[in-house]
N, C-alpha and C. Protein backbone atom coordinates (compact mmCIF):
# COMPACT_ATOMS: atom_id res chain seq x y z
N MET A 1 -23.26 0.32 21.53
CA MET A 1 -24.39 -0.28 20.50
C MET A 1 -25.13 -1.23 21.37
N GLN A 2 -26.60 -1.40 20.77
CA GLN A 2 -27.50 -2.15 21.49
C GLN A 2 -27.97 -3.41 20.94
N ALA A 3 -27.88 -4.47 21.15
CA ALA A 3 -28.36 -5.77 20.51
C ALA A 3 -29.75 -6.05 21.11
N SER A 4 -30.52 -6.11 20.34
CA SER A 4 -31.99 -7.29 20.61
C SER A 4 -31.81 -8.40 21.00
N THR A 5 -32.46 -8.83 21.73
CA THR A 5 -32.56 -10.89 21.79
C THR A 5 -34.00 -11.17 20.83
N THR A 6 -34.43 -10.31 20.44
CA THR A 6 -35.35 -10.96 19.29
C THR A 6 -34.72 -11.39 17.89
N PRO A 7 -35.00 -12.15 17.10
CA PRO A 7 -34.43 -12.92 15.90
C PRO A 7 -34.66 -11.46 14.76
N SER A 8 -35.38 -11.42 14.89
CA SER A 8 -35.44 -10.44 13.82
C SER A 8 -34.98 -8.98 13.50
N ALA A 9 -34.78 -8.71 15.14
CA ALA A 9 -33.61 -7.53 14.86
C ALA A 9 -32.33 -6.97 14.14
N HIS A 10 -32.37 -6.37 13.65
CA HIS A 10 -31.15 -6.04 12.82
C HIS A 10 -30.34 -5.29 13.51
N VAL A 11 -28.96 -5.62 13.65
CA VAL A 11 -27.99 -4.68 14.23
C VAL A 11 -26.93 -4.18 13.35
N CYS A 12 -26.76 -2.73 13.67
CA CYS A 12 -25.74 -2.06 12.84
C CYS A 12 -24.83 -1.54 13.79
N THR A 13 -23.78 -1.74 13.46
CA THR A 13 -22.40 -0.73 14.26
C THR A 13 -21.41 -0.02 12.81
N THR A 14 -21.61 0.97 13.57
CA THR A 14 -21.02 2.12 12.69
C THR A 14 -19.52 2.26 13.31
N ILE A 15 -18.43 2.24 12.32
CA ILE A 15 -17.00 2.31 13.19
C ILE A 15 -16.29 3.73 12.34
N THR A 16 -15.93 4.45 13.07
CA THR A 16 -15.23 5.76 12.08
C THR A 16 -13.52 5.46 12.60
N PHE A 17 -12.53 6.04 11.98
CA PHE A 17 -11.09 5.83 12.23
C PHE A 17 -11.11 7.00 11.69
N LYS A 18 -10.29 7.56 12.81
CA LYS A 18 -9.47 8.95 12.71
C LYS A 18 -8.14 8.81 12.45
N VAL A 19 -7.44 9.18 11.76
CA VAL A 19 -6.02 8.74 11.05
C VAL A 19 -5.41 10.13 10.91
N HIS A 20 -4.23 10.49 11.49
CA HIS A 20 -3.37 11.83 10.98
C HIS A 20 -2.47 11.68 9.95
N HIS A 21 -2.76 12.09 8.67
CA HIS A 21 -1.85 11.61 7.62
C HIS A 21 -0.55 12.22 7.62
N ASP A 22 0.13 12.99 8.88
CA ASP A 22 0.77 13.48 8.59
C ASP A 22 1.80 12.37 9.93
N ARG A 23 1.40 11.47 10.19
CA ARG A 23 1.87 10.43 11.22
C ARG A 23 2.16 9.22 10.98
N LEU A 24 1.60 9.10 9.57
CA LEU A 24 1.82 7.55 8.67
C LEU A 24 3.26 6.98 8.77
N GLN A 25 4.41 8.10 8.91
CA GLN A 25 5.62 7.09 8.92
C GLN A 25 5.66 6.64 10.25
N GLY A 26 5.11 7.22 11.48
CA GLY A 26 5.02 6.79 12.90
C GLY A 26 4.61 5.58 13.15
N TYR A 27 3.51 5.05 12.22
CA TYR A 27 2.60 3.93 12.48
C TYR A 27 3.45 2.50 12.39
N THR A 28 3.14 1.61 13.24
CA THR A 28 3.90 0.32 12.60
C THR A 28 3.30 -0.54 11.38
N ASP A 29 4.05 -1.32 10.49
CA ASP A 29 3.37 -1.87 9.51
C ASP A 29 2.27 -2.44 9.62
N GLU A 30 2.09 -3.22 10.87
CA GLU A 30 0.75 -4.21 11.12
C GLU A 30 -0.53 -2.62 10.97
N HIS A 31 -0.27 -1.74 11.57
CA HIS A 31 -1.24 -0.80 11.77
C HIS A 31 -1.46 -0.06 9.95
N LEU A 32 -0.14 -0.07 9.62
CA LEU A 32 -0.25 0.82 8.14
C LEU A 32 -0.93 -0.24 6.93
N ALA A 33 -0.77 -1.60 7.50
CA ALA A 33 -1.74 -2.53 6.55
C ALA A 33 -2.99 -2.60 6.72
N SER A 34 -3.50 -2.30 7.94
CA SER A 34 -4.93 -2.30 8.21
C SER A 34 -5.40 -0.88 7.52
N LEU A 35 -4.99 0.34 7.61
CA LEU A 35 -5.10 1.60 6.82
C LEU A 35 -4.99 1.37 5.54
N TRP A 36 -4.39 0.65 5.13
CA TRP A 36 -4.81 -0.24 3.48
C TRP A 36 -5.97 -0.39 2.98
N HIS A 37 -6.50 -1.60 4.02
CA HIS A 37 -7.71 -2.17 3.83
C HIS A 37 -8.58 -1.08 4.12
N ILE A 38 -8.65 -0.25 4.96
CA ILE A 38 -9.68 0.53 5.47
C ILE A 38 -9.57 1.90 4.27
N ALA A 39 -8.44 2.20 3.70
CA ALA A 39 -8.55 2.85 2.40
C ALA A 39 -9.25 2.46 1.41
N GLN A 40 -9.04 1.32 1.13
CA GLN A 40 -9.95 0.58 -0.16
C GLN A 40 -11.47 0.15 0.65
N ALA A 41 -11.79 -0.14 1.64
CA ALA A 41 -13.09 -0.33 2.15
C ALA A 41 -14.04 0.90 2.17
N ASN A 42 -13.26 1.76 2.03
CA ASN A 42 -13.85 3.28 2.18
C ASN A 42 -15.38 3.19 1.35
N PRO A 43 -16.69 3.63 2.24
CA PRO A 43 -17.53 3.77 1.05
C PRO A 43 -17.89 4.90 0.34
N ALA A 44 -16.74 5.67 0.50
CA ALA A 44 -16.70 7.14 -0.63
C ALA A 44 -16.92 6.65 -1.96
N PRO A 45 -17.85 7.59 -2.62
CA PRO A 45 -18.02 7.48 -4.25
C PRO A 45 -16.59 7.55 -4.97
N TYR A 46 -16.53 6.39 -5.68
CA TYR A 46 -15.38 6.28 -6.55
C TYR A 46 -14.76 7.83 -7.13
N GLY A 47 -13.29 8.13 -6.96
CA GLY A 47 -13.65 9.56 -7.33
C GLY A 47 -13.43 10.57 -6.45
N ASP A 48 -13.82 10.22 -5.15
CA ASP A 48 -13.52 11.04 -3.96
C ASP A 48 -12.33 11.66 -3.68
N ARG A 49 -12.45 12.58 -3.77
CA ARG A 49 -11.03 13.18 -3.95
C ARG A 49 -10.11 13.06 -2.34
N ASP A 50 -10.65 12.77 -0.95
CA ASP A 50 -10.24 12.76 0.22
C ASP A 50 -9.96 11.55 0.36
N ALA A 51 -10.61 10.40 0.12
CA ALA A 51 -10.90 8.70 0.05
C ALA A 51 -9.52 8.38 -0.88
N CYS A 52 -9.53 9.23 -2.19
CA CYS A 52 -8.23 9.20 -3.08
C CYS A 52 -7.02 9.20 -2.45
N ASP A 53 -6.75 10.41 -2.38
CA ASP A 53 -5.77 11.27 -1.47
C ASP A 53 -5.27 10.31 -0.13
N PHE A 54 -6.26 9.98 0.43
CA PHE A 54 -5.97 9.33 2.15
C PHE A 54 -5.27 7.92 1.30
N ALA A 55 -5.62 7.16 0.34
CA ALA A 55 -5.53 5.84 -0.21
C ALA A 55 -3.64 5.92 -0.67
N GLU A 56 -3.90 6.88 -1.40
CA GLU A 56 -2.70 7.15 -2.16
C GLU A 56 -1.44 7.75 -1.35
N GLN A 57 -1.96 8.35 0.13
CA GLN A 57 -0.91 8.60 0.89
C GLN A 57 -0.44 6.82 1.75
N VAL A 58 -1.16 6.48 1.89
CA VAL A 58 -1.12 5.23 2.66
C VAL A 58 0.04 4.47 1.55
N GLY A 59 -0.36 4.06 0.48
CA GLY A 59 0.26 3.41 -0.44
C GLY A 59 1.62 3.75 -0.64
N ARG A 60 1.45 5.36 -0.85
CA ARG A 60 3.06 5.85 -0.70
C ARG A 60 4.22 5.29 0.30
N GLU A 61 3.51 5.41 1.56
CA GLU A 61 4.17 4.85 2.91
C GLU A 61 4.75 3.62 2.77
N ILE A 62 3.65 2.76 2.09
CA ILE A 62 3.93 0.85 2.15
C ILE A 62 5.25 1.07 0.95
N ILE A 63 4.94 1.59 -0.02
CA ILE A 63 5.98 1.64 -1.13
C ILE A 63 7.06 2.35 -0.68
N ARG A 64 7.53 3.35 -0.15
CA ARG A 64 8.65 3.82 0.57
C ARG A 64 9.04 3.04 1.63
N ARG A 65 8.53 2.26 2.73
CA ARG A 65 8.93 1.21 3.42
C ARG A 65 9.71 0.17 2.87
N PHE A 66 8.69 -0.36 1.96
CA PHE A 66 9.29 -1.44 1.10
C PHE A 66 10.72 -1.21 0.24
N VAL A 67 10.75 -0.17 -0.58
CA VAL A 67 11.98 0.24 -1.29
C VAL A 67 12.96 0.49 -0.22
N ALA A 68 12.72 0.90 0.97
CA ALA A 68 13.80 1.46 1.80
C ALA A 68 14.50 0.16 2.44
N GLN A 69 13.38 -1.04 2.50
CA GLN A 69 14.25 -2.22 2.92
C GLN A 69 14.61 -3.18 2.06
N THR A 70 14.66 -2.87 0.72
CA THR A 70 15.11 -3.72 -0.25
C THR A 70 16.38 -3.14 -1.14
N GLY A 71 17.39 -4.04 -0.72
CA GLY A 71 18.67 -3.62 -1.51
C GLY A 71 18.43 -3.17 -2.88
N PRO A 72 19.38 -2.57 -3.79
CA PRO A 72 19.16 -2.38 -5.31
C PRO A 72 19.79 -3.47 -5.90
N GLU A 73 19.50 -3.65 -6.91
CA GLU A 73 20.46 -4.48 -8.05
C GLU A 73 21.59 -3.98 -8.34
N LEU A 74 22.79 -4.23 -7.71
CA LEU A 74 23.94 -3.58 -7.91
C LEU A 74 24.85 -4.21 -9.12
N TRP A 75 24.75 -5.49 -9.63
CA TRP A 75 25.57 -6.07 -11.04
C TRP A 75 24.71 -5.97 -11.90
N ASN A 76 23.60 -5.85 -12.39
CA ASN A 76 23.05 -6.04 -13.23
C ASN A 76 23.24 -6.12 -14.89
N HIS A 77 23.56 -4.77 -14.79
CA HIS A 77 24.54 -3.97 -16.07
C HIS A 77 25.76 -3.66 -16.14
N GLN A 78 26.66 -4.13 -16.73
CA GLN A 78 27.90 -3.53 -16.56
C GLN A 78 28.70 -3.45 -17.75
N GLY A 79 29.44 -3.02 -18.18
CA GLY A 79 30.20 -2.45 -19.28
C GLY A 79 30.57 -3.75 -20.18
N ARG A 80 31.22 -4.69 -19.48
CA ARG A 80 31.76 -5.64 -20.25
C ARG A 80 30.73 -6.98 -20.48
N HIS A 81 29.23 -6.80 -20.08
CA HIS A 81 28.30 -7.05 -20.51
C HIS A 81 27.90 -6.78 -22.26
N ALA A 82 27.97 -5.97 -22.10
CA ALA A 82 27.81 -5.65 -23.81
C ALA A 82 28.73 -6.11 -24.59
N THR A 83 30.01 -6.06 -24.33
CA THR A 83 30.95 -6.31 -24.67
C THR A 83 30.94 -8.28 -25.24
N ARG A 84 30.42 -8.83 -24.25
CA ARG A 84 30.15 -10.26 -24.08
C ARG A 84 29.26 -10.61 -25.12
N VAL A 85 28.07 -9.74 -24.88
CA VAL A 85 26.81 -9.99 -25.64
C VAL A 85 27.16 -9.57 -27.36
N GLN A 86 27.81 -8.45 -27.18
CA GLN A 86 28.40 -8.49 -29.28
C GLN A 86 29.09 -9.44 -29.39
N ALA A 87 30.02 -9.95 -28.37
CA ALA A 87 31.15 -11.29 -29.16
C ALA A 87 30.24 -12.53 -29.18
N GLU A 88 29.34 -12.74 -28.29
CA GLU A 88 28.61 -13.97 -28.53
C GLU A 88 27.53 -14.14 -29.94
N ALA A 89 27.15 -12.42 -30.19
CA ALA A 89 26.17 -12.13 -31.40
C ALA A 89 27.01 -12.69 -32.43
N ALA A 90 28.44 -12.27 -32.54
CA ALA A 90 29.18 -12.33 -33.81
C ALA A 90 29.50 -13.66 -34.13
N THR A 91 29.53 -14.67 -33.23
CA THR A 91 29.67 -16.28 -33.36
C THR A 91 28.89 -16.63 -33.21
N ALA A 92 27.66 -16.35 -33.44
CA ALA A 92 26.44 -17.21 -33.35
C ALA A 92 26.21 -16.95 -35.17
């Protein structure tokens, strides 16, 4: 990049990111978050297949990691709950 010392000069920087889609699982959480922002800021036209596929792959990896680190709801629905609800409805 070359910058001019004159006040009216316009400076433009082009930044290109090269991402290996098959290596998303190996990137750190911080890097993956950056890739999400890059995917969303991509100047490709709305509906561009490559841009959409990339954003979807990054998003799915973020979700995969979140779900893997989140414990399931274990006791939200149990058989005795239905019996209790029916009994409460009968006495109401």
